[in-house]
Amino acid sequence: MKKMVISFTAGFVLILIGSVIALMGLGVYSDMNNFGSFSWRPLGLTVFRYEAMAEGGHLLHFGLGLLLIALLGGFVNSSLSAVLHKAFSEGTGR
């Protein structure tokens, strides 16, 4: 059980940090190319919203959808960890 919690936490944190960095890069790219305002809302939850301002600035908003992506990443990481642990422990005879 302890391995599952550790692998879930590691997956959650890594996916969260990676998503924030990627979405901040998207915001900078959008600002450099003078994109209009847009948002990304899968399943109705706001993950990312970019708002262009009149004076060349912009606003970035991160929503609760970002946490949902991180939770799914943690779940997938802990599930794969359990499957791999079971496969390798059966092969060694333990």
Protein backbone atom coordinates (compact mmCIF):
# COMPACT_ATOMS: atom_id res chain seq x y z
CA MET A 1 0.00 0.00 0.00
CA LYS A 2 2.87 2.35 0.79
CA LYS A 3 4.32 1.85 -2.71
CA MET A 4 0.95 2.73 -4.24
CA VAL A 5 0.76 5.99 -2.30
CA ILE A 6 4.33 6.92 -3.19
CA SER A 7 3.83 6.16 -6.89
CA PHE A 8 0.49 8.05 -6.92
CA THR A 9 2.08 11.10 -5.28
CA ALA A 10 5.06 11.02 -7.63
CA GLY A 11 2.83 10.77 -10.70
CA PHE A 12 0.52 13.52 -9.43
CA VAL A 13 3.35 15.97 -8.71
CA LEU A 14 5.28 15.28 -11.94
CA ILE A 15 2.21 15.58 -14.17
CA LEU A 16 1.11 18.75 -12.36
CA ILE A 17 4.51 20.42 -12.71
CA GLY A 18 4.89 19.31 -16.32
CA SER A 19 1.40 20.55 -17.22
CA VAL A 20 1.95 23.95 -15.60
CA ILE A 21 5.28 24.40 -17.40
CA ALA A 22 3.78 23.35 -20.75
CA LEU A 23 0.75 25.61 -20.36
CA MET A 24 2.91 28.56 -19.31
CA GLY A 25 4.95 27.97 -22.46
CA LEU A 26 1.73 27.97 -24.47
CA GLY A 27 0.81 31.30 -22.87
CA VAL A 28 4.17 32.84 -23.76
CA TYR A 29 3.92 31.48 -27.32
CA SER A 30 0.40 32.88 -27.65
CA ASP A 31 1.56 36.28 -26.43
CA MET A 32 4.52 36.35 -28.82
CA ASN A 33 2.28 35.53 -31.79
CA ASN A 34 -0.55 37.91 -30.79
CA PHE A 35 -3.22 35.23 -30.46
CA GLY A 36 -6.70 36.22 -29.38
CA SER A 37 -8.25 35.03 -26.13
CA PHE A 38 -8.97 31.30 -25.87
CA SER A 39 -9.56 28.60 -23.28
CA TRP A 40 -9.25 24.83 -22.99
CA ARG A 41 -12.23 23.21 -21.23
CA PRO A 42 -12.50 19.45 -21.67
CA LEU A 43 -15.61 18.04 -19.98
CA GLY A 44 -16.62 21.55 -18.90
CA LEU A 45 -13.73 22.03 -16.46
CA THR A 46 -11.39 24.91 -17.21
CA VAL A 47 -7.80 23.71 -17.51
CA PHE A 48 -6.28 26.81 -19.08
CA ARG A 49 -7.54 30.22 -20.16
CA TYR A 50 -5.54 32.83 -22.03
CA GLU A 51 -6.84 36.39 -22.22
CA ALA A 52 -5.18 38.89 -24.53
CA MET A 53 -5.12 42.45 -23.22
CA ALA A 54 -5.30 45.62 -25.31
CA GLU A 55 -1.85 46.93 -24.32
CA GLY A 56 0.13 43.87 -25.38
CA GLY A 57 -0.15 42.02 -22.07
CA HIS A 58 -2.04 38.86 -21.23
CA LEU A 59 -3.59 36.96 -18.35
CA LEU A 60 -3.18 33.24 -17.73
CA HIS A 61 -5.71 31.32 -15.66
CA PHE A 62 -5.32 27.75 -14.49
CA GLY A 63 -8.51 25.99 -13.47
CA LEU A 64 -9.57 22.88 -11.58
CA GLY A 65 -9.22 20.79 -14.72
CA LEU A 66 -5.46 20.96 -14.20
CA LEU A 67 -5.89 19.09 -10.91
CA LEU A 68 -8.07 16.51 -12.66
CA ILE A 69 -5.30 15.88 -15.19
CA ALA A 70 -2.78 15.50 -12.35
CA LEU A 71 -5.09 13.11 -10.46
CA LEU A 72 -5.48 10.97 -13.58
CA GLY A 73 -1.69 10.99 -14.02
CA GLY A 74 -1.22 9.84 -10.42
CA PHE A 75 -3.82 7.11 -10.83
CA VAL A 76 -2.22 5.82 -14.03
CA ASN A 77 1.23 5.87 -12.44
CA SER A 78 0.11 3.94 -9.35
CA SER A 79 -1.85 1.43 -11.45
CA LEU A 80 1.12 0.73 -13.70
CA SER A 81 3.36 0.46 -10.66
CA ALA A 82 1.06 -2.16 -9.13
CA VAL A 83 0.88 -4.15 -12.37
CA LEU A 84 4.65 -4.09 -12.83
CA HIS A 85 5.29 -4.96 -9.19
CA LYS A 86 2.92 -7.92 -9.44
CA ALA A 87 4.46 -9.12 -12.70
CA PHE A 88 8.02 -8.94 -11.40
CA SER A 89 7.22 -10.43 -7.98
CA GLU A 90 5.50 -13.44 -9.60
CA GLY A 91 8.51 -14.01 -11.82
CA THR A 92 10.95 -14.13 -8.91
CA GLY A 93 8.95 -16.61 -6.84
CA ARG A 94 8.19 -14.30 -3.92
